Amino acid sequence: MRSRPQLRPTTSGTQSPPGAPEPPRPAGRGRSAGRSRVPPMLVIAGTFNVEPSDRDAFLAAANAVMAETLREEGCHAYCFSPDISDPAVVHLFEKWESEDHLGPHMKAEHIKTFGRALKGLTVNSRDLTMYEVASEKKM
């Protein structure tokens, strides 16, 4: 009685005899299938350290610039928020489609107006970081 050759699994899910070449993979499968290469989304996050006596004026100026910025093309999020435990800290969170969208924002008139409003206030420091985000998923 002749023995049958043992089959081994292949990456394509079929089985082939030992020593046989792997069958070609079907097109459009694998990690990058169905994905196009797009520039990463940008997230900017950080804090402003504001003299507590100037916090209300800072937030009023921030509220005005938020309203204008949220209307900009490519802006997915733009939010100043006061820290609930430290009256000197105001957080900023921004989400931009690309650097091509962020660039015009940085030169926009409402950003210049915001900068002028801050000149009369005591902003002790700011600490902002830009992140390039390659993917996201809901949690």
N, C-alpha and C. Protein backbone atom coordinates (compact mmCIF):
# COMPACT_ATOMS: atom_id res chain seq x y z
N MET A 1 0.83 -1.16 0.00
CA MET A 1 0.00 0.00 0.00
C MET A 1 0.89 1.24 0.00
N ARG A 2 0.58 2.11 -0.91
CA ARG A 2 1.38 3.31 -1.06
C ARG A 2 0.84 4.40 -0.14
N SER A 3 1.74 5.13 0.54
CA SER A 3 1.27 6.19 1.44
C SER A 3 1.07 7.48 0.66
N ARG A 4 0.11 8.22 1.11
CA ARG A 4 -0.17 9.52 0.49
C ARG A 4 0.79 10.56 1.04
N PRO A 5 1.25 11.49 0.21
CA PRO A 5 2.15 12.52 0.73
C PRO A 5 1.40 13.40 1.73
N GLN A 6 2.11 13.82 2.75
CA GLN A 6 1.49 14.73 3.72
C GLN A 6 1.33 16.10 3.08
N LEU A 7 0.20 16.71 3.32
CA LEU A 7 -0.04 18.05 2.79
C LEU A 7 0.33 19.08 3.85
N ARG A 8 0.77 20.21 3.40
CA ARG A 8 1.08 21.29 4.34
C ARG A 8 0.22 22.49 4.02
N PRO A 9 -0.21 23.22 5.06
CA PRO A 9 -1.02 24.41 4.80
C PRO A 9 -0.18 25.49 4.13
N THR A 10 -0.81 26.31 3.31
CA THR A 10 -0.13 27.43 2.67
C THR A 10 -0.74 28.73 3.18
N THR A 11 -0.08 29.81 2.85
CA THR A 11 -0.60 31.11 3.29
C THR A 11 -1.92 31.47 2.62
N SER A 12 -2.21 30.83 1.49
CA SER A 12 -3.47 31.14 0.81
C SER A 12 -4.63 30.32 1.35
N GLY A 13 -4.36 29.43 2.32
CA GLY A 13 -5.43 28.65 2.92
C GLY A 13 -5.64 27.30 2.28
N THR A 14 -4.97 27.04 1.16
CA THR A 14 -5.08 25.72 0.52
C THR A 14 -3.98 24.83 1.07
N GLN A 15 -3.95 23.60 0.62
CA GLN A 15 -2.88 22.69 1.04
C GLN A 15 -2.15 22.20 -0.18
N SER A 16 -0.83 22.02 -0.03
CA SER A 16 -0.03 21.51 -1.14
C SER A 16 0.98 20.52 -0.60
N PRO A 17 1.47 19.62 -1.48
CA PRO A 17 2.45 18.62 -1.02
C PRO A 17 3.76 19.29 -0.63
N PRO A 18 4.56 18.63 0.22
CA PRO A 18 5.86 19.19 0.60
C PRO A 18 6.71 19.45 -0.62
N GLY A 19 7.43 20.57 -0.62
CA GLY A 19 8.31 20.90 -1.73
C GLY A 19 7.63 21.65 -2.86
N ALA A 20 6.31 21.67 -2.89
CA ALA A 20 5.61 22.38 -3.96
C ALA A 20 5.70 23.88 -3.70
N PRO A 21 5.81 24.67 -4.77
CA PRO A 21 5.89 26.12 -4.56
C PRO A 21 4.56 26.66 -4.05
N GLU A 22 4.66 27.77 -3.33
CA GLU A 22 3.45 28.45 -2.85
C GLU A 22 2.67 28.96 -4.05
N PRO A 23 1.36 28.79 -4.06
CA PRO A 23 0.58 29.40 -5.14
C PRO A 23 0.59 30.91 -4.99
N PRO A 24 0.42 31.64 -6.10
CA PRO A 24 0.43 33.10 -5.99
C PRO A 24 -0.74 33.58 -5.14
N ARG A 25 -0.51 34.67 -4.41
CA ARG A 25 -1.58 35.26 -3.61
C ARG A 25 -2.52 36.04 -4.51
N PRO A 26 -3.80 35.99 -4.20
CA PRO A 26 -4.74 36.79 -4.99
C PRO A 26 -4.44 38.28 -4.84
N ALA A 27 -4.66 39.02 -5.92
CA ALA A 27 -4.44 40.47 -5.86
C ALA A 27 -5.42 41.10 -4.89
N GLY A 28 -4.98 42.20 -4.29
CA GLY A 28 -5.88 42.95 -3.42
C GLY A 28 -6.00 42.41 -2.02
N ARG A 29 -5.13 41.51 -1.61
CA ARG A 29 -5.19 40.98 -0.25
C ARG A 29 -3.93 41.39 0.48
N GLY A 30 -3.99 41.37 1.77
CA GLY A 30 -2.83 41.72 2.57
C GLY A 30 -3.09 42.99 3.35
N ARG A 31 -2.08 43.43 4.07
CA ARG A 31 -2.24 44.54 5.00
C ARG A 31 -2.62 45.85 4.32
N SER A 32 -2.10 46.11 3.13
CA SER A 32 -2.36 47.40 2.52
C SER A 32 -3.50 47.37 1.52
N ALA A 33 -4.18 46.26 1.38
CA ALA A 33 -5.26 46.16 0.41
C ALA A 33 -6.37 47.15 0.74
N GLY A 34 -6.82 47.85 -0.25
CA GLY A 34 -7.94 48.77 -0.07
C GLY A 34 -7.57 50.07 0.61
N ARG A 35 -6.29 50.28 0.89
CA ARG A 35 -5.87 51.52 1.54
C ARG A 35 -5.03 52.32 0.56
N SER A 36 -5.27 53.61 0.51
CA SER A 36 -4.42 54.45 -0.30
C SER A 36 -3.49 55.22 0.64
N ARG A 37 -2.37 55.59 0.14
CA ARG A 37 -1.39 56.32 0.95
C ARG A 37 -1.85 57.77 1.03
N VAL A 38 -2.19 58.20 2.22
CA VAL A 38 -2.63 59.58 2.42
C VAL A 38 -1.74 60.21 3.48
N PRO A 39 -1.58 61.53 3.42
CA PRO A 39 -0.77 62.19 4.45
C PRO A 39 -1.41 61.99 5.82
N PRO A 40 -0.59 61.94 6.86
CA PRO A 40 -1.16 61.76 8.20
C PRO A 40 -1.95 62.98 8.64
N MET A 41 -2.94 62.75 9.47
CA MET A 41 -3.70 63.84 10.08
C MET A 41 -2.82 64.46 11.16
N LEU A 42 -3.00 65.73 11.43
CA LEU A 42 -2.22 66.42 12.44
C LEU A 42 -3.06 66.68 13.68
N VAL A 43 -2.49 66.42 14.83
CA VAL A 43 -3.11 66.76 16.11
C VAL A 43 -2.13 67.66 16.84
N ILE A 44 -2.64 68.76 17.34
CA ILE A 44 -1.84 69.67 18.16
C ILE A 44 -2.50 69.69 19.53
N ALA A 45 -1.71 69.46 20.55
CA ALA A 45 -2.24 69.42 21.91
C ALA A 45 -1.24 70.07 22.84
N GLY A 46 -1.76 70.74 23.85
CA GLY A 46 -0.87 71.34 24.83
C GLY A 46 -1.60 72.27 25.76
N THR A 47 -0.81 73.10 26.43
CA THR A 47 -1.36 73.99 27.45
C THR A 47 -0.78 75.39 27.35
N PHE A 48 -1.57 76.33 27.83
CA PHE A 48 -1.13 77.69 28.08
C PHE A 48 -1.18 77.89 29.59
N ASN A 49 -0.15 78.50 30.14
CA ASN A 49 -0.16 78.85 31.56
C ASN A 49 -0.44 80.34 31.64
N VAL A 50 -1.62 80.67 32.13
CA VAL A 50 -2.13 82.05 32.13
C VAL A 50 -2.27 82.53 33.57
N GLU A 51 -1.92 83.78 33.79
CA GLU A 51 -2.14 84.37 35.12
C GLU A 51 -3.63 84.21 35.45
N PRO A 52 -3.97 83.62 36.60
CA PRO A 52 -5.38 83.37 36.93
C PRO A 52 -6.27 84.61 36.81
N SER A 53 -5.74 85.78 37.11
CA SER A 53 -6.55 87.00 36.99
C SER A 53 -6.86 87.35 35.53
N ASP A 54 -6.10 86.78 34.59
CA ASP A 54 -6.32 87.03 33.16
C ASP A 54 -7.06 85.88 32.47
N ARG A 55 -7.41 84.86 33.23
CA ARG A 55 -8.00 83.66 32.61
C ARG A 55 -9.31 83.97 31.88
N ASP A 56 -10.20 84.74 32.47
CA ASP A 56 -11.48 85.03 31.81
C ASP A 56 -11.27 85.77 30.49
N ALA A 57 -10.35 86.75 30.47
CA ALA A 57 -10.07 87.48 29.23
C ALA A 57 -9.43 86.56 28.19
N PHE A 58 -8.54 85.67 28.64
CA PHE A 58 -7.92 84.70 27.73
C PHE A 58 -9.00 83.82 27.11
N LEU A 59 -9.90 83.31 27.94
CA LEU A 59 -10.95 82.41 27.44
C LEU A 59 -11.91 83.13 26.50
N ALA A 60 -12.17 84.42 26.73
CA ALA A 60 -13.02 85.18 25.82
C ALA A 60 -12.35 85.29 24.45
N ALA A 61 -11.05 85.59 24.43
CA ALA A 61 -10.32 85.67 23.16
C ALA A 61 -10.26 84.29 22.51
N ALA A 62 -10.06 83.25 23.31
CA ALA A 62 -10.01 81.88 22.80
C ALA A 62 -11.35 81.48 22.19
N ASN A 63 -12.43 81.87 22.83
CA ASN A 63 -13.76 81.54 22.32
C ASN A 63 -13.99 82.16 20.94
N ALA A 64 -13.54 83.39 20.75
CA ALA A 64 -13.70 84.06 19.46
C ALA A 64 -12.87 83.35 18.37
N VAL A 65 -11.62 83.00 18.68
CA VAL A 65 -10.78 82.35 17.68
C VAL A 65 -11.27 80.92 17.40
N MET A 66 -11.84 80.26 18.39
CA MET A 66 -12.39 78.91 18.16
C MET A 66 -13.52 78.96 17.14
N ALA A 67 -14.42 79.91 17.29
CA ALA A 67 -15.57 79.99 16.38
C ALA A 67 -15.12 80.18 14.94
N GLU A 68 -14.14 81.05 14.72
CA GLU A 68 -13.64 81.29 13.36
C GLU A 68 -12.87 80.09 12.82
N THR A 69 -12.03 79.51 13.66
CA THR A 69 -11.18 78.40 13.22
C THR A 69 -12.00 77.17 12.84
N LEU A 70 -13.04 76.89 13.58
CA LEU A 70 -13.87 75.71 13.29
C LEU A 70 -14.55 75.79 11.93
N ARG A 71 -14.60 76.99 11.33
CA ARG A 71 -15.17 77.15 9.99
C ARG A 71 -14.13 76.94 8.89
N GLU A 72 -12.87 76.82 9.27
CA GLU A 72 -11.81 76.68 8.27
C GLU A 72 -11.84 75.29 7.63
N GLU A 73 -11.50 75.27 6.34
CA GLU A 73 -11.41 74.00 5.62
C GLU A 73 -10.28 73.16 6.23
N GLY A 74 -10.55 71.89 6.46
CA GLY A 74 -9.54 70.98 6.97
C GLY A 74 -9.43 70.94 8.48
N CYS A 75 -10.20 71.77 9.18
CA CYS A 75 -10.18 71.77 10.64
C CYS A 75 -11.24 70.79 11.14
N HIS A 76 -10.81 69.75 11.84
CA HIS A 76 -11.74 68.75 12.37
C HIS A 76 -12.04 68.97 13.84
N ALA A 77 -11.17 69.70 14.54
CA ALA A 77 -11.40 70.01 15.96
C ALA A 77 -10.50 71.18 16.34
N TYR A 78 -11.01 72.04 17.20
CA TYR A 78 -10.23 73.17 17.70
C TYR A 78 -10.90 73.61 18.98
N CYS A 79 -10.26 73.34 20.11
CA CYS A 79 -10.93 73.59 21.39
C CYS A 79 -9.96 74.04 22.48
N PHE A 80 -10.24 75.20 23.05
CA PHE A 80 -9.58 75.63 24.27
C PHE A 80 -10.48 75.22 25.42
N SER A 81 -9.88 74.72 26.50
CA SER A 81 -10.69 74.37 27.67
C SER A 81 -9.90 74.64 28.94
N PRO A 82 -10.55 75.29 29.91
CA PRO A 82 -9.87 75.57 31.17
C PRO A 82 -9.68 74.29 31.97
N ASP A 83 -8.54 74.19 32.62
CA ASP A 83 -8.27 73.04 33.49
C ASP A 83 -9.19 73.15 34.71
N ILE A 84 -9.81 72.05 35.11
CA ILE A 84 -10.77 72.11 36.22
C ILE A 84 -10.10 72.15 37.59
N SER A 85 -8.80 71.85 37.66
CA SER A 85 -8.15 71.86 38.97
C SER A 85 -7.07 72.93 39.11
N ASP A 86 -6.61 73.51 38.01
CA ASP A 86 -5.57 74.53 38.07
C ASP A 86 -6.04 75.78 37.33
N PRO A 87 -6.34 76.87 38.04
CA PRO A 87 -6.87 78.07 37.40
C PRO A 87 -5.88 78.76 36.46
N ALA A 88 -4.63 78.36 36.47
CA ALA A 88 -3.65 78.97 35.59
C ALA A 88 -3.51 78.25 34.24
N VAL A 89 -4.11 77.07 34.11
CA VAL A 89 -3.89 76.25 32.92
C VAL A 89 -5.12 76.24 32.00
N VAL A 90 -4.85 76.45 30.71
CA VAL A 90 -5.87 76.32 29.67
C VAL A 90 -5.31 75.33 28.64
N HIS A 91 -6.09 74.33 28.31
CA HIS A 91 -5.68 73.30 27.35
C HIS A 91 -6.12 73.69 25.94
N LEU A 92 -5.33 73.27 24.96
CA LEU A 92 -5.70 73.45 23.55
C LEU A 92 -5.60 72.10 22.87
N PHE A 93 -6.63 71.77 22.08
CA PHE A 93 -6.64 70.55 21.27
C PHE A 93 -7.07 70.94 19.86
N GLU A 94 -6.26 70.57 18.87
CA GLU A 94 -6.58 70.84 17.47
C GLU A 94 -6.41 69.56 16.67
N LYS A 95 -7.22 69.41 15.62
CA LYS A 95 -7.10 68.27 14.72
C LYS A 95 -7.27 68.80 13.29
N TRP A 96 -6.23 68.60 12.47
CA TRP A 96 -6.20 69.14 11.11
C TRP A 96 -6.03 68.02 10.09
N GLU A 97 -6.67 68.19 8.96
CA GLU A 97 -6.60 67.20 7.89
C GLU A 97 -5.18 67.06 7.34
N SER A 98 -4.44 68.18 7.25
CA SER A 98 -3.08 68.12 6.71
C SER A 98 -2.35 69.42 7.03
N GLU A 99 -1.04 69.42 6.76
CA GLU A 99 -0.26 70.65 6.92
C GLU A 99 -0.70 71.69 5.92
N ASP A 100 -1.21 71.25 4.76
CA ASP A 100 -1.72 72.20 3.77
C ASP A 100 -2.90 72.98 4.31
N HIS A 101 -3.64 72.41 5.26
CA HIS A 101 -4.75 73.12 5.88
C HIS A 101 -4.30 73.93 7.09
N LEU A 102 -3.32 73.43 7.80
CA LEU A 102 -2.82 74.14 8.98
C LEU A 102 -2.09 75.42 8.61
N GLY A 103 -1.34 75.40 7.51
CA GLY A 103 -0.56 76.57 7.09
C GLY A 103 -1.39 77.84 6.97
N PRO A 104 -2.47 77.83 6.18
CA PRO A 104 -3.30 79.04 6.06
C PRO A 104 -3.92 79.46 7.40
N HIS A 105 -4.23 78.50 8.25
CA HIS A 105 -4.78 78.83 9.57
C HIS A 105 -3.81 79.70 10.36
N MET A 106 -2.53 79.34 10.32
CA MET A 106 -1.54 80.07 11.09
C MET A 106 -1.39 81.52 10.62
N LYS A 107 -1.79 81.80 9.37
CA LYS A 107 -1.68 83.15 8.81
C LYS A 107 -3.02 83.88 8.79
N ALA A 108 -4.07 83.23 9.28
CA ALA A 108 -5.42 83.80 9.20
C ALA A 108 -5.56 85.05 10.07
N GLU A 109 -6.43 85.94 9.66
CA GLU A 109 -6.64 87.19 10.39
C GLU A 109 -7.10 86.95 11.82
N HIS A 110 -7.95 85.95 12.04
CA HIS A 110 -8.43 85.71 13.41
C HIS A 110 -7.31 85.21 14.33
N ILE A 111 -6.29 84.57 13.77
CA ILE A 111 -5.14 84.16 14.58
C ILE A 111 -4.32 85.40 14.95
N LYS A 112 -4.18 86.33 14.02
CA LYS A 112 -3.48 87.59 14.32
C LYS A 112 -4.24 88.37 15.39
N THR A 113 -5.56 88.40 15.28
CA THR A 113 -6.39 89.08 16.28
C THR A 113 -6.23 88.44 17.64
N PHE A 114 -6.19 87.11 17.68
CA PHE A 114 -5.99 86.39 18.94
C PHE A 114 -4.64 86.76 19.55
N GLY A 115 -3.61 86.80 18.73
CA GLY A 115 -2.28 87.18 19.20
C GLY A 115 -2.26 88.58 19.79
N ARG A 116 -2.97 89.52 19.14
CA ARG A 116 -3.04 90.89 19.67
C ARG A 116 -3.78 90.92 21.00
N ALA A 117 -4.83 90.11 21.13
CA ALA A 117 -5.59 90.06 22.39
C ALA A 117 -4.73 89.53 23.53
N LEU A 118 -3.83 88.62 23.24
CA LEU A 118 -2.98 88.04 24.28
C LEU A 118 -1.88 88.99 24.74
N LYS A 119 -1.54 89.99 23.91
CA LYS A 119 -0.47 90.92 24.28
C LYS A 119 -0.76 91.67 25.57
N GLY A 120 -2.02 91.93 25.87
CA GLY A 120 -2.37 92.63 27.10
C GLY A 120 -2.55 91.72 28.30
N LEU A 121 -2.34 90.42 28.10
CA LEU A 121 -2.55 89.44 29.17
C LEU A 121 -1.21 88.82 29.59
N THR A 122 -1.19 88.26 30.78
CA THR A 122 0.01 87.57 31.24
C THR A 122 -0.12 86.08 30.94
N VAL A 123 0.55 85.69 29.86
CA VAL A 123 0.64 84.27 29.50
C VAL A 123 2.07 83.87 29.86
N ASN A 124 2.21 83.13 30.95
CA ASN A 124 3.53 82.78 31.47
C ASN A 124 4.27 81.79 30.59
N SER A 125 3.55 80.89 29.97
CA SER A 125 4.19 79.92 29.08
C SER A 125 3.14 79.24 28.22
N ARG A 126 3.62 78.61 27.18
CA ARG A 126 2.77 77.73 26.38
C ARG A 126 3.60 76.53 26.01
N ASP A 127 2.95 75.39 25.97
CA ASP A 127 3.63 74.13 25.66
C ASP A 127 2.72 73.35 24.71
N LEU A 128 3.01 73.45 23.41
CA LEU A 128 2.19 72.80 22.39
C LEU A 128 3.04 71.80 21.62
N THR A 129 2.46 70.67 21.30
CA THR A 129 3.15 69.62 20.54
C THR A 129 2.27 69.21 19.37
N MET A 130 2.90 69.06 18.18
CA MET A 130 2.16 68.59 17.00
C MET A 130 2.50 67.12 16.78
N TYR A 131 1.46 66.33 16.56
CA TYR A 131 1.59 64.90 16.31
C TYR A 131 1.09 64.59 14.91
N GLU A 132 1.77 63.70 14.21
CA GLU A 132 1.29 63.18 12.93
C GLU A 132 0.63 61.84 13.23
N VAL A 133 -0.65 61.74 12.91
CA VAL A 133 -1.43 60.55 13.25
C VAL A 133 -1.69 59.75 11.98
N ALA A 134 -1.18 58.52 11.94
CA ALA A 134 -1.32 57.69 10.75
C ALA A 134 -2.65 56.95 10.69
N SER A 135 -3.25 56.66 11.84
CA SER A 135 -4.54 55.97 11.84
C SER A 135 -5.26 56.29 13.14
N GLU A 136 -6.54 56.00 13.14
CA GLU A 136 -7.34 56.21 14.35
C GLU A 136 -8.44 55.17 14.40
N LYS A 137 -8.93 54.91 15.59
CA LYS A 137 -10.09 54.03 15.74
C LYS A 137 -10.89 54.50 16.94
N LYS A 138 -12.18 54.28 16.89
CA LYS A 138 -13.07 54.68 17.98
C LYS A 138 -12.84 53.79 19.19
N MET A 139 -12.99 54.35 20.35
CA MET A 139 -12.82 53.58 21.59
C MET A 139 -14.10 53.61 22.39
